[in-house]
Amino acid sequence: QVQLVESGGGLVQAGGSLRLSCAASGGTFSSYAMAWFRQVPGKEREFVARISRSGSGTRYADSVRVRFTISRDNAKNTVYLQMSSLEPEDTAVYYCAADAAYYTSTYYLEGTYHYWGQGTQVTVSS
């Protein structure tokens, strides 16, 4: 059983930057691909980014590809999401998630992931 705890959310002005962290415990962190999703009230959870077990492979949603960077530190059991050039449309609760599968073609689907954190709020003001 893996526990995930996000941190680093907050209020930022448009154009600003924020770094989210997700600390994992209770499992072998390097055995999981990790991802970030986000959700606004009344909408489905949306894929943001994914990183492979080793960190050598990444995937991004088109809406964040040039602005966000996902990374991980397996020695610290932590995955990060560096967000730059933030826009009001980025306002959401951000969740990290862990996938135990070695490979998946459905990395963008919520149901692919086995463990979830509780989320951290990111608010971007205009």
C-alpha atoms as a PDB file:
ATOM      1  CA  GLN A   1       0.000   0.000   0.000  1.00  0.00           C
ATOM      2  CA  VAL A   2       1.454   3.325  -1.085  1.00  0.00           C
ATOM      3  CA  GLN A   3       0.580   6.582   0.611  1.00  0.00           C
ATOM      4  CA  LEU A   4       0.978   9.799  -1.348  1.00  0.00           C
ATOM      5  CA  VAL A   5       1.012  13.287   0.127  1.00  0.00           C
ATOM      6  CA  GLU A   6       1.039  16.385  -2.076  1.00  0.00           C
ATOM      7  CA  SER A   7       2.303  19.789  -1.025  1.00  0.00           C
ATOM      8  CA  GLY A   8       3.311  23.096  -2.534  1.00  0.00           C
ATOM      9  CA  GLY A   9      -0.030  24.383  -3.716  1.00  0.00           C
ATOM     10  CA  GLY A  10      -1.166  27.931  -3.133  1.00  0.00           C
ATOM     11  CA  LEU A  11      -2.192  31.221  -4.660  1.00  0.00           C
ATOM     12  CA  VAL A  12      -0.070  32.695  -7.441  1.00  0.00           C
ATOM     13  CA  GLN A  13      -0.523  35.438  -9.993  1.00  0.00           C
ATOM     14  CA  ALA A  14      -0.840  34.687 -13.678  1.00  0.00           C
ATOM     15  CA  GLY A  15       2.581  34.301 -15.240  1.00  0.00           C
ATOM     16  CA  GLY A  16       4.071  33.050 -12.010  1.00  0.00           C
ATOM     17  CA  SER A  17       5.557  29.713 -11.057  1.00  0.00           C
ATOM     18  CA  LEU A  18       4.896  27.041  -8.476  1.00  0.00           C
ATOM     19  CA  ARG A  19       6.454  23.687  -7.655  1.00  0.00           C
ATOM     20  CA  LEU A  20       4.346  20.851  -6.364  1.00  0.00           C
ATOM     21  CA  SER A  21       5.790  17.904  -4.486  1.00  0.00           C
ATOM     22  CA  CYS A  22       4.377  14.480  -3.809  1.00  0.00           C
ATOM     23  CA  ALA A  23       6.026  12.360  -1.126  1.00  0.00           C
ATOM     24  CA  ALA A  24       5.469   8.621  -1.224  1.00  0.00           C
ATOM     25  CA  SER A  25       5.702   6.093   1.575  1.00  0.00           C
ATOM     26  CA  GLY A  26       4.774   2.499   2.231  1.00  0.00           C
ATOM     27  CA  GLY A  27       6.108   1.011  -0.964  1.00  0.00           C
ATOM     28  CA  THR A  28       9.075   0.815  -3.305  1.00  0.00           C
ATOM     29  CA  PHE A  29       8.829   4.192  -4.966  1.00  0.00           C
ATOM     30  CA  SER A  30      10.995   3.275  -7.942  1.00  0.00           C
ATOM     31  CA  SER A  31       8.544   0.494  -8.803  1.00  0.00           C
ATOM     32  CA  TYR A  32       5.841   2.976  -9.729  1.00  0.00           C
ATOM     33  CA  ALA A  33       5.344   5.277 -12.633  1.00  0.00           C
ATOM     34  CA  MET A  34       4.000   8.538 -11.266  1.00  0.00           C
ATOM     35  CA  ALA A  35       1.606  11.097 -12.641  1.00  0.00           C
ATOM     36  CA  TRP A  36      -0.121  14.364 -11.895  1.00  0.00           C
ATOM     37  CA  PHE A  37      -3.782  14.990 -12.569  1.00  0.00           C
ATOM     38  CA  ARG A  38      -5.945  18.003 -11.838  1.00  0.00           C
ATOM     39  CA  GLN A  39      -9.607  18.607 -11.247  1.00  0.00           C
ATOM     40  CA  VAL A  40     -11.924  21.577 -11.093  1.00  0.00           C
ATOM     41  CA  PRO A  41     -15.376  21.383  -9.519  1.00  0.00           C
ATOM     42  CA  GLY A  42     -17.949  19.850 -11.808  1.00  0.00           C
ATOM     43  CA  LYS A  43     -15.397  18.397 -14.200  1.00  0.00           C
ATOM     44  CA  GLU A  44     -13.607  15.105 -14.561  1.00  0.00           C
ATOM     45  CA  ARG A  45     -10.077  14.639 -13.328  1.00  0.00           C
ATOM     46  CA  GLU A  46      -7.687  15.653 -16.094  1.00  0.00           C
ATOM     47  CA  PHE A  47      -4.296  14.173 -16.931  1.00  0.00           C
ATOM     48  CA  VAL A  48      -1.383  16.597 -16.622  1.00  0.00           C
ATOM     49  CA  ALA A  49       1.893  14.667 -16.764  1.00  0.00           C
ATOM     50  CA  ARG A  50       3.467  11.283 -16.195  1.00  0.00           C
ATOM     51  CA  ILE A  51       6.996  10.083 -15.499  1.00  0.00           C
ATOM     52  CA  SER A  52       8.408   6.593 -15.834  1.00  0.00           C
ATOM     53  CA  ARG A  53       9.882   4.583 -12.988  1.00  0.00           C
ATOM     54  CA  SER A  54      13.423   5.652 -13.731  1.00  0.00           C
ATOM     55  CA  GLY A  55      12.512   9.162 -14.740  1.00  0.00           C
ATOM     56  CA  SER A  56      13.803   8.708 -18.264  1.00  0.00           C
ATOM     57  CA  GLY A  57      10.399   8.955 -19.909  1.00  0.00           C
ATOM     58  CA  THR A  58       7.746  11.648 -19.575  1.00  0.00           C
ATOM     59  CA  ARG A  59       4.350  12.434 -21.041  1.00  0.00           C
ATOM     60  CA  TYR A  60       2.410  15.681 -20.927  1.00  0.00           C
ATOM     61  CA  ALA A  61      -1.012  16.993 -21.726  1.00  0.00           C
ATOM     62  CA  ASP A  62      -0.869  19.343 -24.688  1.00  0.00           C
ATOM     63  CA  SER A  63      -2.145  22.214 -22.561  1.00  0.00           C
ATOM     64  CA  VAL A  64       0.887  22.126 -20.251  1.00  0.00           C
ATOM     65  CA  ARG A  65       3.637  20.615 -22.398  1.00  0.00           C
ATOM     66  CA  VAL A  66       5.829  23.698 -22.753  1.00  0.00           C
ATOM     67  CA  ARG A  67       5.061  25.151 -19.331  1.00  0.00           C
ATOM     68  CA  PHE A  68       5.189  22.262 -16.856  1.00  0.00           C
ATOM     69  CA  THR A  69       7.971  19.805 -16.048  1.00  0.00           C
ATOM     70  CA  ILE A  70       7.562  16.565 -14.154  1.00  0.00           C
ATOM     71  CA  SER A  71      10.551  15.049 -12.402  1.00  0.00           C
ATOM     72  CA  ARG A  72      11.302  12.596  -9.634  1.00  0.00           C
ATOM     73  CA  ASP A  73      13.941  11.816  -7.055  1.00  0.00           C
ATOM     74  CA  ASN A  74      13.837   8.116  -6.261  1.00  0.00           C
ATOM     75  CA  ALA A  75      16.272   8.568  -3.391  1.00  0.00           C
ATOM     76  CA  LYS A  76      13.791  10.944  -1.737  1.00  0.00           C
ATOM     77  CA  ASN A  77      10.653   9.033  -2.787  1.00  0.00           C
ATOM     78  CA  THR A  78       9.290  12.248  -4.255  1.00  0.00           C
ATOM     79  CA  VAL A  79       7.825  13.375  -7.555  1.00  0.00           C
ATOM     80  CA  TYR A  80       7.650  17.030  -8.537  1.00  0.00           C
ATOM     81  CA  LEU A  81       5.675  19.199 -10.884  1.00  0.00           C
ATOM     82  CA  GLN A  82       7.349  22.464 -11.808  1.00  0.00           C
ATOM     83  CA  MET A  83       4.724  24.822 -13.193  1.00  0.00           C
ATOM     84  CA  SER A  84       5.679  27.995 -15.021  1.00  0.00           C
ATOM     85  CA  SER A  85       3.810  30.684 -16.934  1.00  0.00           C
ATOM     86  CA  LEU A  86       0.724  29.808 -14.958  1.00  0.00           C
ATOM     87  CA  GLU A  87      -2.664  30.806 -16.303  1.00  0.00           C
ATOM     88  CA  PRO A  88      -6.015  31.190 -14.527  1.00  0.00           C
ATOM     89  CA  GLU A  89      -7.126  28.077 -16.425  1.00  0.00           C
ATOM     90  CA  ASP A  90      -4.554  26.090 -14.436  1.00  0.00           C
ATOM     91  CA  THR A  91      -6.561  26.662 -11.263  1.00  0.00           C
ATOM     92  CA  ALA A  92      -7.517  23.249  -9.895  1.00  0.00           C
ATOM     93  CA  VAL A  93      -6.859  20.689  -7.225  1.00  0.00           C
ATOM     94  CA  TYR A  94      -3.740  18.811  -8.259  1.00  0.00           C
ATOM     95  CA  TYR A  95      -3.380  15.128  -7.435  1.00  0.00           C
ATOM     96  CA  CYS A  96      -0.439  12.802  -7.723  1.00  0.00           C
ATOM     97  CA  ALA A  97      -0.975   9.175  -8.584  1.00  0.00           C
ATOM     98  CA  ALA A  98       1.037   5.970  -8.757  1.00  0.00           C
ATOM     99  CA  ASP A  99       0.835   3.235 -11.380  1.00  0.00           C
ATOM    100  CA  ALA A 100       2.234  -0.193 -10.547  1.00  0.00           C
ATOM    101  CA  ALA A 101       2.154  -1.463 -14.125  1.00  0.00           C
ATOM    102  CA  TYR A 102       5.410  -1.687 -16.050  1.00  0.00           C
ATOM    103  CA  TYR A 103       3.843  -0.236 -19.186  1.00  0.00           C
ATOM    104  CA  THR A 104       0.519   1.259 -20.150  1.00  0.00           C
ATOM    105  CA  SER A 105      -0.882   2.873 -23.245  1.00  0.00           C
ATOM    106  CA  THR A 106      -3.635   4.502 -21.215  1.00  0.00           C
ATOM    107  CA  TYR A 107      -1.386   6.712 -19.106  1.00  0.00           C
ATOM    108  CA  TYR A 108      -3.873   9.573 -19.456  1.00  0.00           C
ATOM    109  CA  LEU A 109      -6.785   7.730 -17.842  1.00  0.00           C
ATOM    110  CA  GLU A 110      -7.609   8.096 -14.182  1.00  0.00           C
ATOM    111  CA  GLY A 111      -8.463   4.407 -13.878  1.00  0.00           C
ATOM    112  CA  THR A 112      -4.915   3.394 -14.828  1.00  0.00           C
ATOM    113  CA  TYR A 113      -3.553   4.513 -11.474  1.00  0.00           C
ATOM    114  CA  HIS A 114      -3.641   2.465  -8.312  1.00  0.00           C
ATOM    115  CA  TYR A 115      -2.901   5.016  -5.615  1.00  0.00           C
ATOM    116  CA  TRP A 116      -3.834   8.657  -5.153  1.00  0.00           C
ATOM    117  CA  GLY A 117      -2.935  11.503  -2.892  1.00  0.00           C
ATOM    118  CA  GLN A 118      -5.445  13.812  -1.245  1.00  0.00           C
ATOM    119  CA  GLY A 119      -4.712  16.740  -3.555  1.00  0.00           C
ATOM    120  CA  THR A 120      -3.356  20.251  -3.207  1.00  0.00           C
ATOM    121  CA  GLN A 121      -5.142  23.401  -4.339  1.00  0.00           C
ATOM    122  CA  VAL A 122      -3.524  25.647  -6.933  1.00  0.00           C
ATOM    123  CA  THR A 123      -5.187  28.987  -7.585  1.00  0.00           C
ATOM    124  CA  VAL A 124      -3.948  31.325 -10.311  1.00  0.00           C
ATOM    125  CA  SER A 125      -5.274  34.863 -10.163  1.00  0.00           C
ATOM    126  CA  SER A 126      -5.558  37.070 -13.244  1.00  0.00           C
END
